[in-house]
Amino acid sequence: MRVGHGVKGLLYRGSKVLLLIDRNGQGDLPGGRVEQGEDLRDALRREVWEETGLSIKNIGLPRPWWLSKPQVFVFGTTFFCEEAGGNFRLSQEHGGYEWVSFRDLKGRLPDHRPFLRQLR
């Protein structure tokens, strides 16, 4: 079984959050793998930029989560973060995106539901 560490960003702009849509139509948050020795916040900045071309600011407190699938276990951290500008571009990993309300985000991220329950 592979074990990894990932970071995700609840990237907000005003009252909306960026929801990425993968090639299978599933919702996702920007983020990805933490490289060996990399600081979590630096990994988040890098991953958000790689996937969206956006920079971030006001990175909040870490919110842990985990995901277990056949052959892989990922321990992850999600951070609230604010868009700080950049030229938006969508990575080839994703098929689309939406800026949605926090309420609309619930139920669209099946791997992160335990974390999203805290967003009441």
C-alpha atoms as a PDB file:
ATOM      1  CA  MET A   1       0.000   0.000   0.000  1.00  0.00           C
ATOM      2  CA  ARG A   2       1.264   3.462  -0.906  1.00  0.00           C
ATOM      3  CA  VAL A   3       1.068   6.160   1.754  1.00  0.00           C
ATOM      4  CA  GLY A   4       1.299   9.841   0.921  1.00  0.00           C
ATOM      5  CA  HIS A   5       0.628  13.308   2.214  1.00  0.00           C
ATOM      6  CA  GLY A   6      -1.478  15.783   0.309  1.00  0.00           C
ATOM      7  CA  VAL A   7      -2.676  19.354   0.666  1.00  0.00           C
ATOM      8  CA  LYS A   8      -5.903  20.936  -0.532  1.00  0.00           C
ATOM      9  CA  GLY A   9      -7.046  24.531  -0.546  1.00  0.00           C
ATOM     10  CA  LEU A  10     -10.516  25.873   0.101  1.00  0.00           C
ATOM     11  CA  LEU A  11      -9.645  28.777  -2.140  1.00  0.00           C
ATOM     12  CA  TYR A  12     -12.137  31.586  -1.725  1.00  0.00           C
ATOM     13  CA  ARG A  13     -12.871  34.762  -3.642  1.00  0.00           C
ATOM     14  CA  GLY A  14     -15.402  36.842  -1.771  1.00  0.00           C
ATOM     15  CA  SER A  15     -18.171  34.430  -0.767  1.00  0.00           C
ATOM     16  CA  LYS A  16     -17.333  31.803  -3.411  1.00  0.00           C
ATOM     17  CA  VAL A  17     -14.985  28.795  -3.323  1.00  0.00           C
ATOM     18  CA  LEU A  18     -13.134  27.346  -6.312  1.00  0.00           C
ATOM     19  CA  LEU A  19     -14.386  23.871  -7.222  1.00  0.00           C
ATOM     20  CA  LEU A  20     -12.323  22.034  -9.817  1.00  0.00           C
ATOM     21  CA  ILE A  21     -14.002  19.348 -11.925  1.00  0.00           C
ATOM     22  CA  ASP A  22     -11.886  16.348 -12.908  1.00  0.00           C
ATOM     23  CA  ARG A  23     -12.133  14.541 -16.244  1.00  0.00           C
ATOM     24  CA  ASN A  24     -14.704  12.117 -14.719  1.00  0.00           C
ATOM     25  CA  GLY A  25     -16.994  14.954 -13.641  1.00  0.00           C
ATOM     26  CA  GLN A  26     -16.051  14.662  -9.956  1.00  0.00           C
ATOM     27  CA  GLY A  27     -15.504  17.768  -7.848  1.00  0.00           C
ATOM     28  CA  ASP A  28     -12.112  18.461  -6.313  1.00  0.00           C
ATOM     29  CA  LEU A  29     -10.248  21.205  -4.513  1.00  0.00           C
ATOM     30  CA  PRO A  30      -6.972  22.590  -5.827  1.00  0.00           C
ATOM     31  CA  GLY A  31      -3.981  20.856  -4.315  1.00  0.00           C
ATOM     32  CA  GLY A  32      -1.883  17.756  -4.555  1.00  0.00           C
ATOM     33  CA  ARG A  33       1.113  15.868  -3.259  1.00  0.00           C
ATOM     34  CA  VAL A  34       3.570  17.242  -0.737  1.00  0.00           C
ATOM     35  CA  GLU A  35       7.144  16.679  -1.850  1.00  0.00           C
ATOM     36  CA  GLN A  36       9.662  15.235   0.615  1.00  0.00           C
ATOM     37  CA  GLY A  37      10.859  17.932   3.021  1.00  0.00           C
ATOM     38  CA  GLU A  38       8.390  20.514   1.674  1.00  0.00           C
ATOM     39  CA  ASP A  39       6.485  22.782   4.061  1.00  0.00           C
ATOM     40  CA  LEU A  40       2.707  22.209   3.835  1.00  0.00           C
ATOM     41  CA  ARG A  41       1.912  25.846   3.051  1.00  0.00           C
ATOM     42  CA  ASP A  42       4.641  25.986   0.393  1.00  0.00           C
ATOM     43  CA  ALA A  43       3.238  22.791  -1.142  1.00  0.00           C
ATOM     44  CA  LEU A  44      -0.223  24.367  -1.207  1.00  0.00           C
ATOM     45  CA  ARG A  45       1.076  27.539  -2.885  1.00  0.00           C
ATOM     46  CA  ARG A  46       2.900  25.445  -5.504  1.00  0.00           C
ATOM     47  CA  GLU A  47      -0.024  23.102  -6.191  1.00  0.00           C
ATOM     48  CA  VAL A  48      -2.611  25.892  -6.445  1.00  0.00           C
ATOM     49  CA  TRP A  49      -0.366  27.766  -8.875  1.00  0.00           C
ATOM     50  CA  GLU A  50       0.327  24.616 -10.957  1.00  0.00           C
ATOM     51  CA  GLU A  51      -3.386  23.764 -11.210  1.00  0.00           C
ATOM     52  CA  THR A  52      -4.869  27.256 -11.589  1.00  0.00           C
ATOM     53  CA  GLY A  53      -2.199  29.897 -12.211  1.00  0.00           C
ATOM     54  CA  LEU A  54      -3.449  31.712  -9.089  1.00  0.00           C
ATOM     55  CA  SER A  55      -1.458  32.833  -6.083  1.00  0.00           C
ATOM     56  CA  ILE A  56      -2.904  32.663  -2.567  1.00  0.00           C
ATOM     57  CA  LYS A  57      -2.745  34.610   0.688  1.00  0.00           C
ATOM     58  CA  ASN A  58      -4.197  34.468   4.189  1.00  0.00           C
ATOM     59  CA  ILE A  59      -3.580  30.744   4.579  1.00  0.00           C
ATOM     60  CA  GLY A  60      -5.572  29.595   7.600  1.00  0.00           C
ATOM     61  CA  LEU A  61      -5.140  26.889  10.186  1.00  0.00           C
ATOM     62  CA  PRO A  62      -4.656  23.313   8.980  1.00  0.00           C
ATOM     63  CA  ARG A  63      -7.634  20.934   8.917  1.00  0.00           C
ATOM     64  CA  PRO A  64      -6.536  17.264   8.757  1.00  0.00           C
ATOM     65  CA  TRP A  65      -8.277  14.577   6.712  1.00  0.00           C
ATOM     66  CA  TRP A  66      -7.504  11.120   5.394  1.00  0.00           C
ATOM     67  CA  LEU A  67      -8.509   9.101   2.396  1.00  0.00           C
ATOM     68  CA  SER A  68      -8.235   5.356   2.034  1.00  0.00           C
ATOM     69  CA  LYS A  69      -8.697   3.614  -1.294  1.00  0.00           C
ATOM     70  CA  PRO A  70      -7.443   0.258  -2.541  1.00  0.00           C
ATOM     71  CA  GLN A  71      -3.647   0.386  -2.675  1.00  0.00           C
ATOM     72  CA  VAL A  72      -3.338   3.952  -1.331  1.00  0.00           C
ATOM     73  CA  PHE A  73      -3.741   5.826   1.942  1.00  0.00           C
ATOM     74  CA  VAL A  74      -3.405   9.598   1.919  1.00  0.00           C
ATOM     75  CA  PHE A  75      -3.110  11.741   5.002  1.00  0.00           C
ATOM     76  CA  GLY A  76      -3.927  15.280   4.041  1.00  0.00           C
ATOM     77  CA  THR A  77      -4.341  18.801   5.221  1.00  0.00           C
ATOM     78  CA  THR A  78      -6.837  21.347   3.946  1.00  0.00           C
ATOM     79  CA  PHE A  79      -6.347  25.063   4.437  1.00  0.00           C
ATOM     80  CA  PHE A  80      -8.705  27.973   3.886  1.00  0.00           C
ATOM     81  CA  CYS A  81      -6.884  30.444   1.662  1.00  0.00           C
ATOM     82  CA  GLU A  82      -7.780  33.574  -0.257  1.00  0.00           C
ATOM     83  CA  GLU A  83      -7.113  34.195  -3.921  1.00  0.00           C
ATOM     84  CA  ALA A  84      -4.356  36.777  -4.288  1.00  0.00           C
ATOM     85  CA  GLY A  85      -4.416  37.204  -8.065  1.00  0.00           C
ATOM     86  CA  GLY A  86      -2.680  35.745 -11.069  1.00  0.00           C
ATOM     87  CA  ASN A  87      -3.776  34.722 -14.535  1.00  0.00           C
ATOM     88  CA  PHE A  88      -6.292  31.917 -14.171  1.00  0.00           C
ATOM     89  CA  ARG A  89      -5.593  28.867 -16.288  1.00  0.00           C
ATOM     90  CA  LEU A  90      -6.877  25.372 -15.737  1.00  0.00           C
ATOM     91  CA  SER A  91      -4.387  22.499 -15.661  1.00  0.00           C
ATOM     92  CA  GLN A  92      -4.846  19.561 -18.004  1.00  0.00           C
ATOM     93  CA  GLU A  93      -5.716  17.407 -14.968  1.00  0.00           C
ATOM     94  CA  HIS A  94      -9.134  19.050 -14.842  1.00  0.00           C
ATOM     95  CA  GLY A  95     -12.020  19.332 -17.257  1.00  0.00           C
ATOM     96  CA  GLY A  96     -13.699  22.382 -15.755  1.00  0.00           C
ATOM     97  CA  TYR A  97     -14.245  24.577 -12.734  1.00  0.00           C
ATOM     98  CA  GLU A  98     -16.905  26.582 -10.913  1.00  0.00           C
ATOM     99  CA  TRP A  99     -16.890  29.252  -8.236  1.00  0.00           C
ATOM    100  CA  VAL A 100     -19.559  28.001  -5.807  1.00  0.00           C
ATOM    101  CA  SER A 101     -20.960  28.945  -2.413  1.00  0.00           C
ATOM    102  CA  PHE A 102     -19.847  26.973   0.640  1.00  0.00           C
ATOM    103  CA  ARG A 103     -23.362  25.513   0.778  1.00  0.00           C
ATOM    104  CA  ASP A 104     -23.129  24.291  -2.839  1.00  0.00           C
ATOM    105  CA  LEU A 105     -19.713  22.787  -2.159  1.00  0.00           C
ATOM    106  CA  LYS A 106     -21.144  20.270   0.301  1.00  0.00           C
ATOM    107  CA  GLY A 107     -21.944  16.967  -1.316  1.00  0.00           C
ATOM    108  CA  ARG A 108     -19.739  17.645  -4.337  1.00  0.00           C
ATOM    109  CA  LEU A 109     -16.497  16.499  -2.671  1.00  0.00           C
ATOM    110  CA  PRO A 110     -17.085  12.917  -1.533  1.00  0.00           C
ATOM    111  CA  ASP A 111     -13.514  12.398  -0.273  1.00  0.00           C
ATOM    112  CA  HIS A 112     -13.711  15.459   1.964  1.00  0.00           C
ATOM    113  CA  ARG A 113     -17.168  15.112   3.506  1.00  0.00           C
ATOM    114  CA  PRO A 114     -15.922  14.600   7.074  1.00  0.00           C
ATOM    115  CA  PHE A 115     -14.066  17.904   6.850  1.00  0.00           C
ATOM    116  CA  LEU A 116     -16.930  19.747   5.180  1.00  0.00           C
ATOM    117  CA  ARG A 117     -19.366  18.774   7.937  1.00  0.00           C
ATOM    118  CA  GLN A 118     -17.454  21.240  10.121  1.00  0.00           C
ATOM    119  CA  LEU A 119     -18.398  24.166   7.832  1.00  0.00           C
ATOM    120  CA  ARG A 120     -21.907  24.788   9.183  1.00  0.00           C
END
